[in-house]
């Protein structure tokens, strides 16, 4: 039985997918459901005023954050993939259709910009940057979509990641059903 697997090994999940697909939301919900830590890689990468954390420091932060026995994390950072995936037991790939991803990333960006939601380290999205600049998250999601679709299956087949259970989710509905199949920790 699948739920018995979580009783035998500490659950460690890495949620990946195109920007805007819902990685952080799903990783957070996995953590809540299983009563484990949620580690958001973006919060370790982005400094104040959208400054990038230097690679060695980023790797150090990720290694420290994932040193616990059980966690759920989200992100596509190739700079720390070896750290995350080597330690993970399960990779959850959100492989949604392009229209779904684009709708989600546009809606999320507008919502965050209008509400002035703080993301990490005081950073907030701005409509002008997020939608209309060369640094647009919407443009990034569109341009990286096909690359992720091509690259993830090849990465999953590498010998160093043979230990991973890969959960391939093709729609938000399927993701919700899969999440519901995980054993829930009792409310306290």
C-alpha atoms as a PDB file:
ATOM      1  CA  UNK A   1       0.000   0.000   0.000  1.00  0.00           C
ATOM      2  CA  UNK A   2       1.353   3.440  -0.970  1.00  0.00           C
ATOM      3  CA  UNK A   3       0.578   5.127   2.354  1.00  0.00           C
ATOM      4  CA  UNK A   4       2.672   2.494   4.187  1.00  0.00           C
ATOM      5  CA  UNK A   5       5.742   3.775   2.313  1.00  0.00           C
ATOM      6  CA  UNK A   6       5.605   7.001   4.330  1.00  0.00           C
ATOM      7  CA  UNK A   7       5.762   5.015   7.568  1.00  0.00           C
ATOM      8  CA  UNK A   8       9.016   3.313   6.526  1.00  0.00           C
ATOM      9  CA  UNK A   9      11.071   6.246   5.219  1.00  0.00           C
ATOM     10  CA  UNK A  10      11.111   9.912   6.193  1.00  0.00           C
ATOM     11  CA  UNK A  11       9.086  11.803   3.575  1.00  0.00           C
ATOM     12  CA  UNK A  12      11.217  14.179   1.509  1.00  0.00           C
ATOM     13  CA  UNK A  13       9.509  15.761  -1.484  1.00  0.00           C
ATOM     14  CA  UNK A  14      10.901  17.989  -4.233  1.00  0.00           C
ATOM     15  CA  UNK A  15       8.126  19.655  -6.250  1.00  0.00           C
ATOM     16  CA  UNK A  16       9.196  20.855  -9.714  1.00  0.00           C
ATOM     17  CA  UNK A  17       7.488  22.356 -12.759  1.00  0.00           C
ATOM     18  CA  UNK A  18       7.222  25.485 -14.858  1.00  0.00           C
ATOM     19  CA  UNK A  19       7.099  28.819 -13.032  1.00  0.00           C
ATOM     20  CA  UNK A  20       3.531  29.553 -12.005  1.00  0.00           C
ATOM     21  CA  UNK A  21       2.363  25.928 -12.117  1.00  0.00           C
ATOM     22  CA  UNK A  22       1.727  25.803  -8.365  1.00  0.00           C
ATOM     23  CA  UNK A  23       4.924  24.276  -6.977  1.00  0.00           C
ATOM     24  CA  UNK A  24       4.986  26.327  -3.775  1.00  0.00           C
ATOM     25  CA  UNK A  25       1.301  25.783  -3.097  1.00  0.00           C
ATOM     26  CA  UNK A  26       1.551  22.022  -3.560  1.00  0.00           C
ATOM     27  CA  UNK A  27       4.794  21.713  -1.560  1.00  0.00           C
ATOM     28  CA  UNK A  28       3.185  23.682   1.269  1.00  0.00           C
ATOM     29  CA  UNK A  29       0.068  21.496   1.192  1.00  0.00           C
ATOM     30  CA  UNK A  30       2.186  18.320   1.232  1.00  0.00           C
ATOM     31  CA  UNK A  31       4.036  19.676   4.273  1.00  0.00           C
ATOM     32  CA  UNK A  32       0.765  20.545   6.031  1.00  0.00           C
ATOM     33  CA  UNK A  33      -0.828  17.201   5.256  1.00  0.00           C
ATOM     34  CA  UNK A  34       2.160  15.183   6.483  1.00  0.00           C
ATOM     35  CA  UNK A  35       3.150  17.501   9.326  1.00  0.00           C
ATOM     36  CA  UNK A  36       6.637  18.144   7.928  1.00  0.00           C
ATOM     37  CA  UNK A  37       8.724  21.242   7.164  1.00  0.00           C
ATOM     38  CA  UNK A  38       8.174  23.281   4.008  1.00  0.00           C
ATOM     39  CA  UNK A  39      11.326  24.778   2.483  1.00  0.00           C
ATOM     40  CA  UNK A  40      10.725  27.364  -0.232  1.00  0.00           C
ATOM     41  CA  UNK A  41      13.877  27.587  -2.352  1.00  0.00           C
ATOM     42  CA  UNK A  42      12.954  31.039  -3.684  1.00  0.00           C
ATOM     43  CA  UNK A  43      13.190  32.419  -0.144  1.00  0.00           C
ATOM     44  CA  UNK A  44      16.770  31.127   0.095  1.00  0.00           C
ATOM     45  CA  UNK A  45      17.731  32.460  -3.351  1.00  0.00           C
ATOM     46  CA  UNK A  46      16.228  35.943  -3.554  1.00  0.00           C
ATOM     47  CA  UNK A  47      17.690  38.624  -1.302  1.00  0.00           C
ATOM     48  CA  UNK A  48      16.241  42.087  -0.600  1.00  0.00           C
ATOM     49  CA  UNK A  49      15.565  44.206  -3.701  1.00  0.00           C
ATOM     50  CA  UNK A  50      15.581  41.054  -5.843  1.00  0.00           C
ATOM     51  CA  UNK A  51      19.314  40.532  -5.392  1.00  0.00           C
ATOM     52  CA  UNK A  52      20.596  37.071  -6.233  1.00  0.00           C
ATOM     53  CA  UNK A  53      22.279  35.036  -3.530  1.00  0.00           C
ATOM     54  CA  UNK A  54      25.789  33.983  -4.616  1.00  0.00           C
ATOM     55  CA  UNK A  55      25.859  30.316  -5.660  1.00  0.00           C
ATOM     56  CA  UNK A  56      28.108  29.050  -2.808  1.00  0.00           C
ATOM     57  CA  UNK A  57      25.927  30.738  -0.184  1.00  0.00           C
ATOM     58  CA  UNK A  58      22.746  29.503  -1.864  1.00  0.00           C
ATOM     59  CA  UNK A  59      24.064  25.921  -1.850  1.00  0.00           C
ATOM     60  CA  UNK A  60      25.014  26.260   1.813  1.00  0.00           C
ATOM     61  CA  UNK A  61      21.561  27.590   2.734  1.00  0.00           C
ATOM     62  CA  UNK A  62      19.797  24.800   0.862  1.00  0.00           C
ATOM     63  CA  UNK A  63      21.966  22.081   2.411  1.00  0.00           C
ATOM     64  CA  UNK A  64      21.244  23.468   5.881  1.00  0.00           C
ATOM     65  CA  UNK A  65      17.502  23.867   5.243  1.00  0.00           C
ATOM     66  CA  UNK A  66      17.232  20.281   3.958  1.00  0.00           C
ATOM     67  CA  UNK A  67      19.311  18.721   6.721  1.00  0.00           C
ATOM     68  CA  UNK A  68      16.160  17.655   8.575  1.00  0.00           C
ATOM     69  CA  UNK A  69      14.642  14.213   8.369  1.00  0.00           C
ATOM     70  CA  UNK A  70      11.386  15.144   6.635  1.00  0.00           C
ATOM     71  CA  UNK A  71      10.492  18.051   4.356  1.00  0.00           C
ATOM     72  CA  UNK A  72       8.762  19.271   1.223  1.00  0.00           C
ATOM     73  CA  UNK A  73      10.462  21.790  -1.033  1.00  0.00           C
ATOM     74  CA  UNK A  74       9.746  23.509  -4.318  1.00  0.00           C
ATOM     75  CA  UNK A  75      11.835  24.954  -7.112  1.00  0.00           C
ATOM     76  CA  UNK A  76      13.724  24.272 -10.317  1.00  0.00           C
ATOM     77  CA  UNK A  77      17.171  25.519  -9.355  1.00  0.00           C
ATOM     78  CA  UNK A  78      19.769  23.486 -11.251  1.00  0.00           C
ATOM     79  CA  UNK A  79      22.474  25.006  -9.012  1.00  0.00           C
ATOM     80  CA  UNK A  80      21.164  22.948  -6.073  1.00  0.00           C
ATOM     81  CA  UNK A  81      19.438  20.062  -7.850  1.00  0.00           C
ATOM     82  CA  UNK A  82      22.175  17.657  -6.754  1.00  0.00           C
ATOM     83  CA  UNK A  83      21.611  18.612  -3.109  1.00  0.00           C
ATOM     84  CA  UNK A  84      17.813  18.516  -3.268  1.00  0.00           C
ATOM     85  CA  UNK A  85      17.296  15.442  -5.439  1.00  0.00           C
ATOM     86  CA  UNK A  86      20.024  13.350  -3.811  1.00  0.00           C
ATOM     87  CA  UNK A  87      18.378  13.835  -0.436  1.00  0.00           C
ATOM     88  CA  UNK A  88      14.764  13.618  -1.663  1.00  0.00           C
ATOM     89  CA  UNK A  89      12.786  10.407  -1.879  1.00  0.00           C
ATOM     90  CA  UNK A  90      10.096  11.720  -4.205  1.00  0.00           C
ATOM     91  CA  UNK A  91      10.043  14.263  -7.018  1.00  0.00           C
ATOM     92  CA  UNK A  92       6.598  15.576  -7.872  1.00  0.00           C
ATOM     93  CA  UNK A  93       6.512  16.995 -11.405  1.00  0.00           C
ATOM     94  CA  UNK A  94       3.707  19.448 -12.160  1.00  0.00           C
ATOM     95  CA  UNK A  95       3.487  18.959 -15.916  1.00  0.00           C
ATOM     96  CA  UNK A  96       0.370  20.918 -16.766  1.00  0.00           C
ATOM     97  CA  UNK A  97      -0.759  22.089 -20.207  1.00  0.00           C
ATOM     98  CA  UNK A  98       0.713  25.411 -21.350  1.00  0.00           C
ATOM     99  CA  UNK A  99      -2.630  27.302 -21.218  1.00  0.00           C
ATOM    100  CA  UNK A 100      -3.124  26.208 -17.587  1.00  0.00           C
ATOM    101  CA  UNK A 101       0.383  27.330 -16.622  1.00  0.00           C
ATOM    102  CA  UNK A 102       0.080  30.663 -18.442  1.00  0.00           C
ATOM    103  CA  UNK A 103      -3.313  31.417 -16.876  1.00  0.00           C
ATOM    104  CA  UNK A 104      -1.949  30.600 -13.428  1.00  0.00           C
ATOM    105  CA  UNK A 105       1.237  32.650 -13.739  1.00  0.00           C
ATOM    106  CA  UNK A 106      -0.602  35.686 -15.160  1.00  0.00           C
ATOM    107  CA  UNK A 107      -3.357  35.553 -12.529  1.00  0.00           C
ATOM    108  CA  UNK A 108      -0.863  35.012  -9.686  1.00  0.00           C
ATOM    109  CA  UNK A 109       1.274  37.923 -10.885  1.00  0.00           C
ATOM    110  CA  UNK A 110      -1.676  40.301 -11.135  1.00  0.00           C
ATOM    111  CA  UNK A 111      -2.991  39.229  -7.712  1.00  0.00           C
ATOM    112  CA  UNK A 112       0.396  39.662  -6.051  1.00  0.00           C
ATOM    113  CA  UNK A 113       1.009  43.026  -7.719  1.00  0.00           C
ATOM    114  CA  UNK A 114      -2.378  44.471  -6.829  1.00  0.00           C
ATOM    115  CA  UNK A 115      -2.303  43.215  -3.229  1.00  0.00           C
ATOM    116  CA  UNK A 116       1.370  44.136  -2.812  1.00  0.00           C
ATOM    117  CA  UNK A 117       1.923  40.710  -1.249  1.00  0.00           C
ATOM    118  CA  UNK A 118       5.394  40.350   0.217  1.00  0.00           C
ATOM    119  CA  UNK A 119       7.165  37.354  -1.252  1.00  0.00           C
ATOM    120  CA  UNK A 120      10.661  36.884   0.209  1.00  0.00           C
ATOM    121  CA  UNK A 121      12.937  39.297   2.033  1.00  0.00           C
ATOM    122  CA  UNK A 122      10.698  42.300   1.404  1.00  0.00           C
ATOM    123  CA  UNK A 123      10.329  41.685  -2.350  1.00  0.00           C
ATOM    124  CA  UNK A 124       7.088  42.417  -4.120  1.00  0.00           C
ATOM    125  CA  UNK A 125       6.061  41.892  -7.716  1.00  0.00           C
ATOM    126  CA  UNK A 126       5.266  44.899  -9.882  1.00  0.00           C
ATOM    127  CA  UNK A 127       2.997  44.649 -12.900  1.00  0.00           C
ATOM    128  CA  UNK A 128       5.455  46.617 -15.042  1.00  0.00           C
ATOM    129  CA  UNK A 129       8.349  44.250 -14.299  1.00  0.00           C
ATOM    130  CA  UNK A 130       6.382  41.036 -14.032  1.00  0.00           C
ATOM    131  CA  UNK A 131       4.415  41.446 -17.239  1.00  0.00           C
ATOM    132  CA  UNK A 132       6.072  44.045 -19.446  1.00  0.00           C
ATOM    133  CA  UNK A 133       9.858  43.746 -19.095  1.00  0.00           C
ATOM    134  CA  UNK A 134      12.629  41.459 -20.306  1.00  0.00           C
ATOM    135  CA  UNK A 135      12.636  40.056 -16.748  1.00  0.00           C
ATOM    136  CA  UNK A 136       8.956  39.131 -16.970  1.00  0.00           C
ATOM    137  CA  UNK A 137       8.028  36.004 -15.010  1.00  0.00           C
ATOM    138  CA  UNK A 138       5.291  35.410 -17.584  1.00  0.00           C
ATOM    139  CA  UNK A 139       7.825  35.480 -20.419  1.00  0.00           C
ATOM    140  CA  UNK A 140      10.153  33.242 -18.392  1.00  0.00           C
ATOM    141  CA  UNK A 141       7.351  30.708 -17.822  1.00  0.00           C
ATOM    142  CA  UNK A 142       6.467  30.678 -21.511  1.00  0.00           C
ATOM    143  CA  UNK A 143      10.080  30.360 -22.667  1.00  0.00           C
ATOM    144  CA  UNK A 144      11.037  27.653 -20.160  1.00  0.00           C
ATOM    145  CA  UNK A 145       7.908  25.511 -20.585  1.00  0.00           C
ATOM    146  CA  UNK A 146       9.117  23.312 -23.450  1.00  0.00           C
ATOM    147  CA  UNK A 147      12.617  23.021 -21.974  1.00  0.00           C
ATOM    148  CA  UNK A 148      11.213  21.656 -18.695  1.00  0.00           C
ATOM    149  CA  UNK A 149       8.987  19.219 -20.596  1.00  0.00           C
ATOM    150  CA  UNK A 150      12.009  17.969 -22.521  1.00  0.00           C
ATOM    151  CA  UNK A 151      14.596  17.975 -19.728  1.00  0.00           C
ATOM    152  CA  UNK A 152      12.795  16.513 -16.721  1.00  0.00           C
ATOM    153  CA  UNK A 153      12.238  13.018 -18.166  1.00  0.00           C
ATOM    154  CA  UNK A 154      15.935  12.866 -19.104  1.00  0.00           C
ATOM    155  CA  UNK A 155      16.988  14.012 -15.628  1.00  0.00           C
ATOM    156  CA  UNK A 156      14.734  11.426 -13.961  1.00  0.00           C
ATOM    157  CA  UNK A 157      16.550   8.701 -15.920  1.00  0.00           C
ATOM    158  CA  UNK A 158      20.038   9.644 -14.683  1.00  0.00           C
ATOM    159  CA  UNK A 159      21.653   6.974 -12.475  1.00  0.00           C
ATOM    160  CA  UNK A 160      22.249   9.407  -9.603  1.00  0.00           C
ATOM    161  CA  UNK A 161      18.495   9.899  -9.314  1.00  0.00           C
ATOM    162  CA  UNK A 162      17.453   6.249  -9.708  1.00  0.00           C
ATOM    163  CA  UNK A 163      16.373   6.199  -6.036  1.00  0.00           C
ATOM    164  CA  UNK A 164      13.654   8.797  -6.628  1.00  0.00           C
ATOM    165  CA  UNK A 165       9.999   7.971  -6.884  1.00  0.00           C
ATOM    166  CA  UNK A 166       8.711  10.288  -9.635  1.00  0.00           C
ATOM    167  CA  UNK A 167       5.108  11.430  -9.392  1.00  0.00           C
ATOM    168  CA  UNK A 168       4.045  12.924 -12.742  1.00  0.00           C
ATOM    169  CA  UNK A 169       0.939  15.081 -12.347  1.00  0.00           C
ATOM    170  CA  UNK A 170      -0.698  16.310 -15.547  1.00  0.00           C
ATOM    171  CA  UNK A 171      -3.458  18.572 -14.205  1.00  0.00           C
ATOM    172  CA  UNK A 172      -4.524  20.426 -11.072  1.00  0.00           C
ATOM    173  CA  UNK A 173      -7.340  17.889 -10.615  1.00  0.00           C
ATOM    174  CA  UNK A 174      -4.925  14.956 -10.719  1.00  0.00           C
ATOM    175  CA  UNK A 175      -2.623  16.823  -8.306  1.00  0.00           C
ATOM    176  CA  UNK A 176      -5.504  17.312  -5.877  1.00  0.00           C
ATOM    177  CA  UNK A 177      -6.400  13.626  -6.046  1.00  0.00           C
ATOM    178  CA  UNK A 178      -2.786  12.601  -5.478  1.00  0.00           C
ATOM    179  CA  UNK A 179      -2.447  14.983  -2.521  1.00  0.00           C
ATOM    180  CA  UNK A 180      -5.631  13.522  -1.033  1.00  0.00           C
ATOM    181  CA  UNK A 181      -4.098  10.042  -1.228  1.00  0.00           C
ATOM    182  CA  UNK A 182      -1.286  10.983   1.166  1.00  0.00           C
ATOM    183  CA  UNK A 183      -1.822  10.040   4.803  1.00  0.00           C
ATOM    184  CA  UNK A 184      -2.880  13.061   6.836  1.00  0.00           C
ATOM    185  CA  UNK A 185      -1.462  13.734  10.270  1.00  0.00           C
ATOM    186  CA  UNK A 186      -4.177  14.050  12.883  1.00  0.00           C
ATOM    187  CA  UNK A 187      -5.201  17.596  13.855  1.00  0.00           C
ATOM    188  CA  UNK A 188      -3.785  18.662  17.213  1.00  0.00           C
END
